[in-house]
Amino acid sequence: MAGKFELKKSANGQFHFNLKAGNGEIILSSEMYESKDSARNGIASVQKNCSDDARYEKKETSTGKHYFTLKAGNHQVIGNSQMYTSAASRDAGIESVKHNGTSTDIEDNS
């Protein structure tokens, strides 16, 4: 099963999206956007940038958790991953975003 984007409206009226893998697991979460169009532009940016290794920044918290960010060409963060217990799990998460991030399936739950 292919991945999909899920577009949502938060309680404060802003919009955000999650990229979900085929199994329904959230693999990337966006920043908050003022408008639905801006959130849709964020989805388009994931679709455009997810295949480029240079767009991923691998990080580690002070408590040893691993995560990554996906950045656009202008170095703005498009989305953040969940926290992983190992670097290998984080790297598998990146591969999942590469695989699922080109999906054109957008579920609008706003």
Protein backbone atom coordinates (compact mmCIF):
# COMPACT_ATOMS: atom_id res chain seq x y z
CA MET A 1 0.00 0.00 0.00
CA ALA A 2 1.32 3.44 -0.95
CA GLY A 3 1.79 6.33 1.42
CA LYS A 4 -0.35 9.46 1.57
CA PHE A 5 -0.47 12.96 2.92
CA GLU A 6 -3.04 13.89 5.53
CA LEU A 7 -3.95 17.60 5.67
CA LYS A 8 -5.44 18.86 8.93
CA LYS A 9 -6.65 22.06 10.55
CA SER A 10 -5.59 22.61 14.15
CA ALA A 11 -7.70 24.06 16.94
CA ASN A 12 -6.04 27.47 16.47
CA GLY A 13 -7.08 27.60 12.80
CA GLN A 14 -3.67 26.84 11.32
CA PHE A 15 -2.99 23.99 8.91
CA HIS A 16 -0.44 21.18 8.94
CA PHE A 17 0.13 17.84 7.29
CA ASN A 18 1.52 14.42 8.04
CA LEU A 19 3.08 12.04 5.57
CA LYS A 20 1.96 8.52 6.37
CA ALA A 21 3.56 5.30 5.16
CA GLY A 22 1.42 2.60 3.59
CA ASN A 23 0.92 1.02 7.04
CA GLY A 24 -0.57 4.27 8.41
CA GLU A 25 2.51 5.21 10.45
CA ILE A 26 3.34 8.94 10.49
CA ILE A 27 6.83 9.34 9.03
CA LEU A 28 7.00 13.14 8.60
CA SER A 29 5.11 16.01 10.24
CA SER A 30 5.03 19.54 8.91
CA GLU A 31 5.33 22.91 10.57
CA MET A 32 2.14 24.96 11.07
CA TYR A 33 0.90 27.08 8.18
CA GLU A 34 -1.42 30.11 8.20
CA SER A 35 -3.41 28.93 5.18
CA LYS A 36 -4.46 25.69 3.54
CA ASP A 37 -2.74 26.80 0.31
CA SER A 38 0.54 27.23 2.18
CA ALA A 39 0.19 23.73 3.64
CA ARG A 40 -0.47 22.37 0.14
CA ASN A 41 2.68 24.15 -1.03
CA GLY A 42 4.52 22.38 1.80
CA ILE A 43 3.25 19.04 0.51
CA ALA A 44 4.45 19.96 -2.98
CA SER A 45 7.84 20.79 -1.50
CA VAL A 46 8.05 17.35 0.13
CA GLN A 47 7.14 15.75 -3.19
CA LYS A 48 9.88 17.76 -4.93
CA ASN A 49 12.66 17.42 -2.33
CA CYS A 50 12.18 13.99 -0.72
CA SER A 51 14.36 12.13 -3.22
CA ASP A 52 17.43 14.32 -2.62
CA ASP A 53 19.79 13.01 0.11
CA ALA A 54 21.19 16.53 0.58
CA ARG A 55 17.79 17.75 1.81
CA TYR A 56 17.88 15.57 4.94
CA GLU A 57 19.56 16.64 8.14
CA LYS A 58 20.22 13.81 10.58
CA LYS A 59 20.08 14.85 14.23
CA GLU A 60 20.42 13.44 17.72
CA THR A 61 18.93 14.80 20.94
CA SER A 62 20.90 15.23 24.15
CA THR A 63 19.14 12.08 25.44
CA GLY A 64 20.35 9.94 22.55
CA LYS A 65 17.17 9.89 20.44
CA HIS A 66 17.62 10.14 16.68
CA TYR A 67 15.49 12.10 14.20
CA PHE A 68 15.72 13.98 10.93
CA THR A 69 14.43 17.08 9.23
CA LEU A 70 13.62 17.50 5.55
CA LYS A 71 14.57 20.89 4.14
CA ALA A 72 13.63 22.73 0.97
CA GLY A 73 16.16 24.20 -1.44
CA ASN A 74 16.05 27.48 0.53
CA HIS A 75 17.07 25.53 3.69
CA GLN A 76 13.68 26.03 5.36
CA VAL A 77 12.44 23.01 7.31
CA ILE A 78 9.51 21.32 5.55
CA GLY A 79 8.98 18.58 8.12
CA ASN A 80 10.34 16.62 11.06
CA SER A 81 10.41 12.93 11.76
CA GLN A 82 9.38 11.11 14.89
CA MET A 83 12.03 10.18 17.46
CA TYR A 84 13.90 6.93 16.87
CA THR A 85 15.91 4.82 19.32
CA SER A 86 18.75 4.20 16.86
CA ALA A 87 20.49 5.84 13.92
CA ALA A 88 19.61 2.80 11.79
CA SER A 89 15.90 3.25 12.53
CA ARG A 90 16.17 6.96 11.68
CA ASP A 91 17.88 6.10 8.39
CA ALA A 92 15.08 3.63 7.59
CA GLY A 93 12.63 6.47 8.27
CA ILE A 94 14.44 8.61 5.70
CA GLU A 95 14.17 5.80 3.16
CA SER A 96 10.46 5.56 3.89
CA VAL A 97 10.00 9.30 3.24
CA LYS A 98 11.93 8.93 -0.01
CA HIS A 99 9.62 6.07 -1.03
CA ASN A 100 6.31 7.59 0.13
CA GLY A 101 6.98 11.32 -0.24
CA THR A 102 6.22 11.45 -3.95
CA SER A 103 2.66 10.28 -3.32
CA THR A 104 -0.06 12.42 -4.89
CA ASP A 105 -2.70 10.98 -2.54
CA ILE A 106 -3.80 13.84 -0.25
CA GLU A 107 -6.54 13.19 2.31
CA ASP A 108 -8.01 16.57 3.26
CA ASN A 109 -9.30 16.35 6.83
CA SER A 110 -9.41 20.08 7.37
